[in-house]
Each structure stands twice: as C-alpha cells, then as structure tokens.
Amino acid sequence: MIPNANARHFLLKAKQRDLIAAVGGIERAGGICNFSKSTVGRWANPDSLELMPLDAIFALEEECGRHDMSEAIAAARGRRFEEAEAEPQANASIMSRHAETIVQMGELMSTGAMAFADGKLTPSEAVQIDRAAAQLERGLQELRKATANARGEGGLSLVKGA
C-alpha cells in the first residue's frame, strides 16, 4: 500500500463533503452535476470509497466559487495553487464590482417579487431565487476581495489627483 494513501483519501472525502455542503446539500449537488441523490450521498459518506468524477467536481466548484477539492487534489500530488496577481486597475475594479453587486441585488429582489406575487412559491421559482442569491453571493465575495485589496494598499483615491 502507498504510504499516507488513507490520509489522502480521507482528506479528499472531507473536501467532497465540504463542497457538497457549500452548494446546498446532497439534493442540490445532484441537480447541479446531474448525478443521482444516492450517488452524491455516497460521495458525502465518509465510509464509502467512492470519489467524485472530475466533471462533477468542476460543476460544483463553479457553482459555489470555491476550489477546495481541486486544491486538495493538487496538495495530494505535492503541488499548490497560487493566487493570481491583483487587478492593475484597482479603482475601476472596486467601482465596477460595487455596481455589479447592486445590479445582482436588484435581480434577486426582482426574482423574489415575481415569485411571491401570486402568493405561491413553486420549486422552479425557488431554484430561480437560489440562483440569483448564489450570483449575488459570488458578487459580494468579489467586492470584498476588491475592498480588502484597497485596504491593503492604504486606500484608493476615487477622484483624480486627490
């Protein structure tokens, strides 16, 4: 047996469970990556030997905006991810991130208002609200990254020459 094979397996299983939880649980994960609830349940079960196929990993990571599973796979091979360089246009970046977040919030509010207008919430409407909320959440994460970058640089001047 390969040394530390069990440790790697348990790390990957833990990251799978985290990824499934990050997208909203077993049923939602199955819907996102087009696998059955029982298959996704085996992925989340620490006693099962089954690991996710790459297409499922990619779909779930894209949905939640986290790359824990990919990072764990790289770490198991002795590699690591490196953060991309900060965007060069910090002022434009933070302002555009802020504007995008406002638009995404409006889309969530509009989707919710349309869904609640008739006093009923269908499963399809719930999915639409969830997607809009996930998009807003990703937008908020990007805005927070931009503001953290501005804070780290000692602030930004939004007015030329100030």
Protein backbone atom coordinates (compact mmCIF):
# COMPACT_ATOMS: atom_id res chain seq x y z
CA MET A 1 0.00 0.00 0.00
CA ILE A 2 1.16 3.56 -0.73
CA PRO A 3 2.17 5.44 2.44
CA ASN A 4 -0.43 8.01 3.54
CA ALA A 5 -2.93 6.73 0.97
CA ASN A 6 -5.61 6.62 3.65
CA ALA A 7 -4.80 10.16 4.80
CA ARG A 8 -5.15 11.43 1.22
CA HIS A 9 -8.39 9.53 0.75
CA PHE A 10 -9.87 10.92 3.97
CA LEU A 11 -8.78 14.44 3.01
CA LEU A 12 -10.47 14.12 -0.38
CA LYS A 13 -13.63 12.70 1.21
CA ALA A 14 -13.72 15.60 3.68
CA LYS A 15 -13.30 18.13 0.87
CA GLN A 16 -16.10 16.39 -1.08
CA ARG A 17 -18.42 16.74 1.90
CA ASP A 18 -17.47 20.42 2.25
CA LEU A 19 -18.10 21.03 -1.44
CA ILE A 20 -21.50 19.31 -1.34
CA ALA A 21 -22.46 21.37 1.72
CA ALA A 22 -21.23 24.58 0.06
CA VAL A 23 -23.67 24.18 -2.84
CA GLY A 24 -26.61 23.46 -0.57
CA GLY A 25 -26.59 19.75 0.22
CA ILE A 26 -26.95 16.38 -1.46
CA GLU A 27 -30.11 17.02 -3.49
CA ARG A 28 -28.95 20.37 -4.86
CA ALA A 29 -25.48 18.99 -5.65
CA GLY A 30 -27.06 16.14 -7.59
CA GLY A 31 -29.11 18.61 -9.61
CA ILE A 32 -26.10 20.76 -10.39
CA CYS A 33 -23.85 17.98 -11.63
CA ASN A 34 -26.57 15.64 -12.98
CA PHE A 35 -25.92 12.71 -10.66
CA SER A 36 -28.48 10.87 -8.57
CA LYS A 37 -29.09 11.66 -4.93
CA SER A 38 -27.79 8.22 -3.95
CA THR A 39 -24.54 8.74 -5.88
CA VAL A 40 -23.96 12.14 -4.29
CA GLY A 41 -24.83 10.59 -0.93
CA ARG A 42 -22.05 8.03 -1.41
CA TRP A 43 -19.64 10.86 -2.20
CA ALA A 44 -20.62 12.55 1.07
CA ASN A 45 -20.49 9.32 3.10
CA PRO A 46 -17.10 9.03 4.84
CA ASP A 47 -17.40 5.22 4.87
CA SER A 48 -17.84 4.96 1.09
CA LEU A 49 -14.73 4.62 -1.07
CA GLU A 50 -16.37 6.44 -3.99
CA LEU A 51 -14.80 9.73 -5.13
CA MET A 52 -16.34 12.34 -7.43
CA PRO A 53 -15.54 12.33 -11.13
CA LEU A 54 -13.83 15.46 -12.46
CA ASP A 55 -16.89 16.80 -14.28
CA ALA A 56 -18.87 16.78 -11.03
CA ILE A 57 -16.01 18.47 -9.16
CA PHE A 58 -15.78 21.20 -11.79
CA ALA A 59 -19.56 21.78 -11.86
CA LEU A 60 -19.85 22.03 -8.07
CA GLU A 61 -16.76 24.22 -7.69
CA GLU A 62 -18.04 26.61 -10.35
CA GLU A 63 -21.42 26.79 -8.64
CA CYS A 64 -20.09 27.76 -5.23
CA GLY A 65 -16.96 29.62 -6.35
CA ARG A 66 -14.68 27.55 -4.13
CA HIS A 67 -11.93 25.26 -5.36
CA ASP A 68 -11.26 23.20 -2.24
CA MET A 69 -11.42 19.85 -3.99
CA SER A 70 -9.05 20.90 -6.78
CA GLU A 71 -6.66 22.33 -4.19
CA ALA A 72 -6.81 19.08 -2.20
CA ILE A 73 -6.04 17.04 -5.33
CA ALA A 74 -3.09 19.31 -6.10
CA ALA A 75 -1.87 19.06 -2.48
CA ALA A 76 -2.11 15.27 -2.61
CA ARG A 77 0.30 15.41 -5.54
CA GLY A 78 2.68 17.79 -3.77
CA ARG A 79 1.53 20.89 -5.64
CA ARG A 80 -0.29 24.04 -4.61
CA PHE A 81 -2.40 26.75 -6.18
CA GLU A 82 -1.13 30.29 -6.37
CA GLU A 83 -3.35 33.35 -6.27
CA ALA A 84 -3.49 35.40 -9.44
CA GLU A 85 -1.99 38.87 -9.30
CA ALA A 86 -4.21 41.71 -8.11
CA GLU A 87 -6.02 43.57 -10.84
CA PRO A 88 -3.99 46.54 -12.07
CA GLN A 89 -6.94 48.90 -12.34
CA ALA A 90 -7.90 48.88 -8.64
CA ASN A 91 -10.12 51.97 -8.76
CA ALA A 92 -12.07 50.77 -11.79
CA SER A 93 -12.21 47.28 -10.31
CA ILE A 94 -13.76 48.27 -7.00
CA MET A 95 -16.24 50.62 -8.63
CA SER A 96 -17.31 48.04 -11.21
CA ARG A 97 -17.56 45.33 -8.52
CA HIS A 98 -19.77 47.63 -6.47
CA ALA A 99 -22.00 48.38 -9.46
CA GLU A 100 -22.25 44.68 -10.37
CA THR A 101 -23.25 43.82 -6.80
CA ILE A 102 -26.01 46.44 -6.86
CA VAL A 103 -27.33 45.01 -10.15
CA GLN A 104 -27.22 41.45 -8.75
CA MET A 105 -29.13 42.56 -5.64
CA GLY A 106 -31.76 44.12 -7.90
CA GLU A 107 -32.04 40.87 -9.86
CA LEU A 108 -32.54 38.91 -6.63
CA MET A 109 -35.22 41.35 -5.44
CA SER A 110 -36.97 41.28 -8.83
CA THR A 111 -36.88 37.48 -8.99
CA GLY A 112 -38.29 37.25 -5.47
CA ALA A 113 -41.01 39.82 -6.12
CA MET A 114 -42.16 38.00 -9.26
CA ALA A 115 -42.12 34.63 -7.47
CA PHE A 116 -44.10 35.91 -4.47
CA ALA A 117 -46.62 37.95 -6.50
CA ASP A 118 -49.23 35.17 -6.66
CA GLY A 119 -48.75 34.10 -3.04
CA LYS A 120 -47.20 30.78 -4.04
CA LEU A 121 -43.60 29.65 -4.43
CA THR A 122 -43.10 26.86 -6.95
CA PRO A 123 -40.00 24.66 -6.97
CA SER A 124 -38.93 26.34 -10.21
CA GLU A 125 -39.27 29.79 -8.64
CA ALA A 126 -37.30 28.63 -5.61
CA VAL A 127 -34.49 27.49 -7.93
CA GLN A 128 -34.51 30.87 -9.69
CA ILE A 129 -34.29 32.70 -6.35
CA ASP A 130 -31.49 30.40 -5.22
CA ARG A 131 -29.52 31.02 -8.42
CA ALA A 132 -29.94 34.79 -8.09
CA ALA A 133 -28.84 34.58 -4.44
CA ALA A 134 -25.79 32.49 -5.38
CA GLN A 135 -24.86 35.01 -8.07
CA LEU A 136 -25.21 37.84 -5.55
CA GLU A 137 -23.09 35.91 -3.06
CA ARG A 138 -20.30 35.49 -5.64
CA GLY A 139 -20.55 39.18 -6.49
CA LEU A 140 -20.27 40.09 -2.81
CA GLN A 141 -17.18 37.90 -2.48
CA GLU A 142 -15.55 39.71 -5.42
CA LEU A 143 -16.46 43.09 -3.94
CA ARG A 144 -14.99 42.07 -0.58
CA LYS A 145 -11.77 40.98 -2.30
CA ALA A 146 -11.55 44.36 -4.05
CA THR A 147 -12.15 46.27 -0.81
CA ALA A 148 -9.60 44.12 1.03
CA ASN A 149 -7.09 44.92 -1.72
CA ALA A 150 -7.85 48.64 -1.35
CA ARG A 151 -7.46 48.39 2.42
CA GLY A 152 -4.14 46.58 1.99
CA GLU A 153 -2.87 49.32 -0.31
CA GLY A 154 -3.75 52.02 2.22
CA GLY A 155 -6.93 53.06 0.44
CA LEU A 156 -7.72 54.36 -3.01
CA SER A 157 -8.38 57.76 -4.48
CA LEU A 158 -11.61 57.75 -6.44
CA VAL A 159 -11.06 61.34 -7.59
CA LYS A 160 -8.15 62.01 -9.91
CA GLY A 161 -5.37 63.97 -8.20
CA ALA A 162 -6.75 63.58 -4.68
